[in-house]
C-alpha atoms as a PDB file:
ATOM      1  CA  MET A   1      52.786  12.711 -15.838  1.00  0.00           C
ATOM      2  CA  THR A   2      50.219  12.793 -18.683  1.00  0.00           C
ATOM      3  CA  ASP A   3      47.977  10.166 -20.102  1.00  0.00           C
ATOM      4  CA  ALA A   4      49.144   7.692 -22.503  1.00  0.00           C
ATOM      5  CA  ARG A   5      47.167   8.162 -25.249  1.00  0.00           C
ATOM      6  CA  LEU A   6      46.952   5.573 -28.929  1.00  0.00           C
ATOM      7  CA  GLU A   7      48.420   6.877 -31.852  1.00  0.00           C
ATOM      8  CA  LYS A   8      48.911   5.571 -35.214  1.00  0.00           C
ATOM      9  CA  VAL A   9      52.122   4.515 -37.079  1.00  0.00           C
ATOM     10  CA  TYR A  10      53.338   2.928 -39.874  1.00  0.00           C
ATOM     11  CA  ALA A  11      52.375  -0.970 -39.542  1.00  0.00           C
ATOM     12  CA  ASP A  12      55.994  -2.576 -39.709  1.00  0.00           C
ATOM     13  CA  ARG A  13      55.637  -6.674 -39.427  1.00  0.00           C
ATOM     14  CA  ALA A  14      59.473  -6.760 -39.610  1.00  0.00           C
ATOM     15  CA  SER A  15      59.377  -4.624 -36.280  1.00  0.00           C
ATOM     16  CA  ALA A  16      56.793  -6.751 -34.800  1.00  0.00           C
ATOM     17  CA  ARG A  17      58.565  -9.605 -35.344  1.00  0.00           C
ATOM     18  CA  GLU A  18      61.079  -7.748 -33.097  1.00  0.00           C
ATOM     19  CA  PHE A  19      59.053  -7.171 -30.286  1.00  0.00           C
ATOM     20  CA  LEU A  20      57.511 -10.596 -30.369  1.00  0.00           C
ATOM     21  CA  ALA A  21      61.481 -12.334 -30.323  1.00  0.00           C
ATOM     22  CA  GLN A  22      62.188  -9.963 -27.358  1.00  0.00           C
ATOM     23  CA  ALA A  23      58.898 -11.102 -25.133  1.00  0.00           C
ATOM     24  CA  GLU A  24      59.835 -14.507 -26.176  1.00  0.00           C
ATOM     25  CA  ARG A  25      63.516 -13.893 -24.557  1.00  0.00           C
ATOM     26  CA  PHE A  26      62.167 -12.583 -21.387  1.00  0.00           C
ATOM     27  CA  LEU A  27      59.424 -15.341 -21.331  1.00  0.00           C
ATOM     28  CA  SER A  28      62.400 -17.766 -21.412  1.00  0.00           C
ATOM     29  CA  ASP A  29      64.601 -15.750 -19.037  1.00  0.00           C
ATOM     30  CA  ALA A  30      61.301 -16.009 -16.409  1.00  0.00           C
ATOM     31  CA  ASP A  31      62.437 -19.637 -16.091  1.00  0.00           C
ATOM     32  CA  ILE A  32      65.672 -19.168 -15.128  1.00  0.00           C
ATOM     33  CA  THR A  33      66.114 -21.427 -12.078  1.00  0.00           C
ATOM     34  CA  GLY A  34      66.653 -19.447  -9.030  1.00  0.00           C
ATOM     35  CA  LEU A  35      64.954 -16.107  -9.613  1.00  0.00           C
ATOM     36  CA  SER A  36      62.778 -15.030  -6.769  1.00  0.00           C
ATOM     37  CA  ALA A  37      58.974 -14.921  -7.648  1.00  0.00           C
ATOM     38  CA  GLU A  38      59.208 -10.981  -7.741  1.00  0.00           C
ATOM     39  CA  SER A  39      61.638 -10.990 -10.814  1.00  0.00           C
ATOM     40  CA  GLN A  40      60.054 -13.916 -12.579  1.00  0.00           C
ATOM     41  CA  SER A  41      56.552 -11.425 -12.138  1.00  0.00           C
ATOM     42  CA  VAL A  42      58.583  -8.494 -13.852  1.00  0.00           C
ATOM     43  CA  LEU A  43      60.177 -10.542 -16.707  1.00  0.00           C
ATOM     44  CA  LEU A  44      56.590 -12.180 -17.743  1.00  0.00           C
ATOM     45  CA  HIS A  45      55.375  -8.571 -17.455  1.00  0.00           C
ATOM     46  CA  ASN A  46      57.872  -7.149 -19.856  1.00  0.00           C
ATOM     47  CA  ALA A  47      57.107 -10.542 -21.838  1.00  0.00           C
ATOM     48  CA  THR A  48      53.061  -9.269 -21.845  1.00  0.00           C
ATOM     49  CA  ILE A  49      54.269  -5.869 -22.631  1.00  0.00           C
ATOM     50  CA  SER A  50      56.445  -6.776 -25.491  1.00  0.00           C
ATOM     51  CA  THR A  51      54.004  -8.749 -27.283  1.00  0.00           C
ATOM     52  CA  CYS A  52      51.635  -6.140 -26.542  1.00  0.00           C
ATOM     53  CA  ASP A  53      53.778  -3.631 -28.737  1.00  0.00           C
ATOM     54  CA  ALA A  54      54.548  -6.331 -31.325  1.00  0.00           C
ATOM     55  CA  VAL A  55      50.709  -6.893 -31.947  1.00  0.00           C
ATOM     56  CA  LEU A  56      50.135  -3.059 -32.083  1.00  0.00           C
ATOM     57  CA  GLN A  57      53.637  -2.435 -33.998  1.00  0.00           C
ATOM     58  CA  ALA A  58      52.009  -4.962 -36.724  1.00  0.00           C
ATOM     59  CA  VAL A  59      48.808  -3.125 -37.182  1.00  0.00           C
ATOM     60  CA  GLY A  60      49.699   0.124 -37.161  1.00  0.00           C
ATOM     61  CA  LEU A  61      49.256   1.642 -33.721  1.00  0.00           C
ATOM     62  CA  ARG A  62      51.431   2.691 -30.969  1.00  0.00           C
ATOM     63  CA  VAL A  63      50.398   3.759 -26.982  1.00  0.00           C
ATOM     64  CA  THR A  64      52.464   6.555 -25.863  1.00  0.00           C
ATOM     65  CA  PRO A  65      54.316   7.190 -22.430  1.00  0.00           C
ATOM     66  CA  GLY A  66      52.062   8.164 -20.085  1.00  0.00           C
ATOM     67  CA  ASP A  67      49.459   7.100 -16.917  1.00  0.00           C
ATOM     68  CA  ARG A  68      47.979   4.294 -18.158  1.00  0.00           C
ATOM     69  CA  SER A  69      50.362   3.305 -20.680  1.00  0.00           C
ATOM     70  CA  HIS A  70      50.819  -0.807 -20.109  1.00  0.00           C
ATOM     71  CA  ALA A  71      47.060  -1.446 -19.361  1.00  0.00           C
ATOM     72  CA  MET A  72      45.939   0.247 -22.526  1.00  0.00           C
ATOM     73  CA  ARG A  73      48.534  -1.870 -24.249  1.00  0.00           C
ATOM     74  CA  LEU A  74      46.682  -5.024 -22.892  1.00  0.00           C
ATOM     75  CA  GLU A  75      43.189  -3.930 -23.947  1.00  0.00           C
ATOM     76  CA  ASN A  76      44.040  -2.407 -27.517  1.00  0.00           C
ATOM     77  CA  ALA A  77      46.261  -5.541 -28.742  1.00  0.00           C
ATOM     78  CA  LEU A  78      43.964  -7.750 -27.207  1.00  0.00           C
ATOM     79  CA  GLU A  79      40.849  -6.040 -29.489  1.00  0.00           C
ATOM     80  CA  GLN A  80      43.173  -6.595 -32.649  1.00  0.00           C
ATOM     81  CA  LEU A  81      43.477 -11.028 -31.614  1.00  0.00           C
ATOM     82  CA  ASP A  82      40.654 -12.376 -33.346  1.00  0.00           C
ATOM     83  CA  GLU A  83      39.954 -14.619 -30.152  1.00  0.00           C
ATOM     84  CA  ASP A  84      37.514 -13.954 -27.795  1.00  0.00           C
ATOM     85  CA  THR A  85      40.143 -12.380 -24.900  1.00  0.00           C
ATOM     86  CA  GLU A  86      38.279 -11.194 -22.546  1.00  0.00           C
ATOM     87  CA  ASP A  87      39.000 -13.946 -20.134  1.00  0.00           C
ATOM     88  CA  LEU A  88      43.099 -13.372 -20.872  1.00  0.00           C
ATOM     89  CA  LEU A  89      42.527  -9.685 -20.260  1.00  0.00           C
ATOM     90  CA  GLU A  90      41.634  -9.940 -16.576  1.00  0.00           C
ATOM     91  CA  ARG A  91      44.244 -12.308 -16.127  1.00  0.00           C
ATOM     92  CA  LEU A  92      46.885 -10.408 -17.838  1.00  0.00           C
ATOM     93  CA  ASP A  93      45.691  -6.957 -15.990  1.00  0.00           C
ATOM     94  CA  ALA A  94      45.764  -8.878 -12.710  1.00  0.00           C
ATOM     95  CA  SER A  95      49.345 -10.313 -13.579  1.00  0.00           C
ATOM     96  CA  ARG A  96      50.388  -6.644 -14.329  1.00  0.00           C
ATOM     97  CA  ALA A  97      48.465  -5.409 -10.842  1.00  0.00           C
ATOM     98  CA  ARG A  98      51.140  -8.317  -9.036  1.00  0.00           C
ATOM     99  CA  ARG A  99      53.926  -6.603 -10.903  1.00  0.00           C
ATOM    100  CA  ASN A 100      53.372  -3.048  -9.691  1.00  0.00           C
ATOM    101  CA  GLU A 101      52.725  -4.586  -5.895  1.00  0.00           C
ATOM    102  CA  ALA A 102      56.457  -6.341  -6.704  1.00  0.00           C
ATOM    103  CA  SER A 103      57.886  -3.738  -8.445  1.00  0.00           C
ATOM    104  CA  TYR A 104      56.660  -0.482  -6.156  1.00  0.00           C
ATOM    105  CA  ALA A 105      55.576  -1.720  -3.091  1.00  0.00           C
ATOM    106  CA  ALA A 106      57.910  -4.500  -2.544  1.00  0.00           C
ATOM    107  CA  GLY A 107      55.038  -6.334  -2.616  1.00  0.00           C
ATOM    108  CA  PHE A 108      55.298 -10.161  -1.748  1.00  0.00           C
ATOM    109  CA  VAL A 109      53.917 -12.131  -4.932  1.00  0.00           C
ATOM    110  CA  ALA A 110      53.079 -15.641  -4.604  1.00  0.00           C
ATOM    111  CA  GLN A 111      54.225 -18.788  -6.638  1.00  0.00           C
ATOM    112  CA  ALA A 112      50.818 -19.440  -7.924  1.00  0.00           C
ATOM    113  CA  SER A 113      50.217 -16.105  -9.200  1.00  0.00           C
ATOM    114  CA  VAL A 114      53.552 -16.607 -11.156  1.00  0.00           C
ATOM    115  CA  ASP A 115      52.242 -18.989 -12.485  1.00  0.00           C
ATOM    116  CA  ASP A 116      49.193 -17.857 -13.724  1.00  0.00           C
ATOM    117  CA  ALA A 117      50.821 -15.124 -15.252  1.00  0.00           C
ATOM    118  CA  ARG A 118      53.045 -17.737 -17.209  1.00  0.00           C
ATOM    119  CA  GLU A 119      49.987 -19.475 -18.111  1.00  0.00           C
ATOM    120  CA  ALA A 120      48.447 -15.842 -19.468  1.00  0.00           C
ATOM    121  CA  THR A 121      51.412 -14.648 -20.387  1.00  0.00           C
ATOM    122  CA  THR A 122      52.328 -18.003 -22.489  1.00  0.00           C
ATOM    123  CA  GLU A 123      48.609 -17.941 -23.959  1.00  0.00           C
ATOM    124  CA  LEU A 124      49.154 -13.973 -25.502  1.00  0.00           C
ATOM    125  CA  VAL A 125      52.309 -14.967 -26.799  1.00  0.00           C
ATOM    126  CA  GLU A 126      50.905 -17.579 -28.700  1.00  0.00           C
ATOM    127  CA  LEU A 127      48.286 -15.482 -30.205  1.00  0.00           C
ATOM    128  CA  ALA A 128      50.675 -12.930 -31.450  1.00  0.00           C
ATOM    129  CA  ARG A 129      52.430 -15.666 -33.668  1.00  0.00           C
ATOM    130  CA  GLY A 130      49.446 -16.954 -35.211  1.00  0.00           C
ATOM    131  CA  ALA A 131      48.239 -13.163 -36.075  1.00  0.00           C
ATOM    132  CA  LEU A 132      51.733 -12.185 -37.059  1.00  0.00           C
ATOM    133  CA  ASP A 133      52.425 -15.590 -38.574  1.00  0.00           C
ATOM    134  CA  VAL A 134      55.422 -16.559 -36.517  1.00  0.00           C
ATOM    135  CA  SER A 135      56.572 -19.948 -35.787  1.00  0.00           C
ATOM    136  CA  ALA A 136      57.989 -20.701 -31.896  1.00  0.00           C
ATOM    137  CA  THR A 137      61.609 -19.957 -31.818  1.00  0.00           C
END
């Protein structure tokens, strides 16, 4: 597989809002009673990636498929926000790594890790709402 790369696309705030709505559905679905911590971890990661896609689409950027595409989404999307996001990047990247373990190595995900991921993902979604000037749904 080739490395992912950042490319310029047409800035489309309507599509960005659709990505954000998708992220909010993933975030909500992660709270369904009875889901395993591993499933919650995957849904929270999907919410993070959709939020990153929203932020990037709004400014006319997209990360292509390939190695490191999820990490690139995180890094580049957070750079677009008008906040200090260094700590948030670390927390979301740790969540991404735990999701990788759950998805690809059948690893155990502690509920505390899911709680951390939910908090970080919620923070990212709220920052994206502000950047896109979208009220909570």
